Amino acid sequence: MRKKKSVLLAGCNVFGILIITGSVQVVFSPYMFLRIVMLLSVVGCSIGIGAFIRELCIKT
């Protein structure tokens, strides 16, 4: 059980880094199409992190 929790926390950290870099790309990208695609991927990663955190809170 403890190993599963540490794996979920590591996944949250990796997705968090992806969200930060994706957000920077959304802000500084000169192309509108790239902004839209990156914004959609940032939203998708945020939903994934929300699910991981919800699982951590429910299991504890």
C-alpha atoms as a PDB file:
ATOM      1  CA  MET A   1       0.000   0.000   0.000  1.00  0.00           C
ATOM      2  CA  ARG A   2       2.802   2.415   0.898  1.00  0.00           C
ATOM      3  CA  LYS A   3       4.621   1.711  -2.359  1.00  0.00           C
ATOM      4  CA  LYS A   4       1.478   2.490  -4.346  1.00  0.00           C
ATOM      5  CA  LYS A   5       1.126   5.821  -2.549  1.00  0.00           C
ATOM      6  CA  SER A   6       4.733   6.770  -3.324  1.00  0.00           C
ATOM      7  CA  VAL A   7       4.205   5.883  -6.987  1.00  0.00           C
ATOM      8  CA  LEU A   8       1.103   8.083  -7.111  1.00  0.00           C
ATOM      9  CA  LEU A   9       3.010  10.958  -5.510  1.00  0.00           C
ATOM     10  CA  ALA A  10       5.827  10.571  -8.033  1.00  0.00           C
ATOM     11  CA  GLY A  11       3.263  10.622 -10.849  1.00  0.00           C
ATOM     12  CA  CYS A  12       1.734  13.805  -9.447  1.00  0.00           C
ATOM     13  CA  ASN A  13       5.155  15.429  -9.361  1.00  0.00           C
ATOM     14  CA  VAL A  14       5.895  14.480 -12.971  1.00  0.00           C
ATOM     15  CA  PHE A  15       2.498  15.713 -14.165  1.00  0.00           C
ATOM     16  CA  GLY A  16       3.015  18.918 -12.168  1.00  0.00           C
ATOM     17  CA  ILE A  17       6.262  19.615 -13.993  1.00  0.00           C
ATOM     18  CA  LEU A  18       4.520  18.913 -17.313  1.00  0.00           C
ATOM     19  CA  ILE A  19       1.750  21.350 -16.417  1.00  0.00           C
ATOM     20  CA  ILE A  20       4.228  24.089 -15.526  1.00  0.00           C
ATOM     21  CA  THR A  21       6.208  23.694 -18.756  1.00  0.00           C
ATOM     22  CA  GLY A  22       3.017  23.471 -20.808  1.00  0.00           C
ATOM     23  CA  SER A  23       1.680  26.633 -19.202  1.00  0.00           C
ATOM     24  CA  VAL A  24       4.878  28.483 -20.056  1.00  0.00           C
ATOM     25  CA  GLN A  25       4.538  27.325 -23.663  1.00  0.00           C
ATOM     26  CA  VAL A  26       0.921  28.494 -23.776  1.00  0.00           C
ATOM     27  CA  VAL A  27       1.863  31.958 -22.546  1.00  0.00           C
ATOM     28  CA  PHE A  28       4.933  32.513 -24.732  1.00  0.00           C
ATOM     29  CA  SER A  29       3.969  30.732 -27.957  1.00  0.00           C
ATOM     30  CA  PRO A  30       3.627  33.010 -30.998  1.00  0.00           C
ATOM     31  CA  TYR A  31       1.232  30.648 -32.821  1.00  0.00           C
ATOM     32  CA  MET A  32      -2.463  30.483 -31.916  1.00  0.00           C
ATOM     33  CA  PHE A  33      -2.836  26.839 -32.996  1.00  0.00           C
ATOM     34  CA  LEU A  34       0.020  25.767 -30.718  1.00  0.00           C
ATOM     35  CA  ARG A  35      -1.488  27.748 -27.850  1.00  0.00           C
ATOM     36  CA  ILE A  36      -4.816  25.972 -28.229  1.00  0.00           C
ATOM     37  CA  VAL A  37      -3.261  22.504 -28.438  1.00  0.00           C
ATOM     38  CA  MET A  38      -1.016  23.113 -25.432  1.00  0.00           C
ATOM     39  CA  LEU A  39      -3.894  24.594 -23.446  1.00  0.00           C
ATOM     40  CA  LEU A  40      -5.944  21.466 -24.073  1.00  0.00           C
ATOM     41  CA  SER A  41      -3.040  19.265 -22.977  1.00  0.00           C
ATOM     42  CA  VAL A  42      -2.527  21.341 -19.819  1.00  0.00           C
ATOM     43  CA  VAL A  43      -6.213  20.967 -18.956  1.00  0.00           C
ATOM     44  CA  GLY A  44      -6.006  17.206 -19.582  1.00  0.00           C
ATOM     45  CA  CYS A  45      -2.954  16.847 -17.327  1.00  0.00           C
ATOM     46  CA  SER A  46      -4.691  18.889 -14.632  1.00  0.00           C
ATOM     47  CA  ILE A  47      -7.648  16.512 -14.728  1.00  0.00           C
ATOM     48  CA  GLY A  48      -5.246  13.588 -14.375  1.00  0.00           C
ATOM     49  CA  ILE A  49      -3.531  15.132 -11.374  1.00  0.00           C
ATOM     50  CA  GLY A  50      -6.914  15.842  -9.795  1.00  0.00           C
ATOM     51  CA  ALA A  51      -7.813  12.172 -10.110  1.00  0.00           C
ATOM     52  CA  PHE A  52      -4.509  11.082  -8.537  1.00  0.00           C
ATOM     53  CA  ILE A  53      -4.893  13.489  -5.626  1.00  0.00           C
ATOM     54  CA  ARG A  54      -8.499  12.415  -5.080  1.00  0.00           C
ATOM     55  CA  GLU A  55      -7.370   8.785  -4.913  1.00  0.00           C
ATOM     56  CA  LEU A  56      -4.661   9.691  -2.393  1.00  0.00           C
ATOM     57  CA  CYS A  57      -7.160  11.529  -0.179  1.00  0.00           C
ATOM     58  CA  ILE A  58      -9.783   8.775  -0.374  1.00  0.00           C
ATOM     59  CA  LYS A  59      -7.296   5.966   0.383  1.00  0.00           C
ATOM     60  CA  THR A  60      -5.770   7.700   3.412  1.00  0.00           C
END
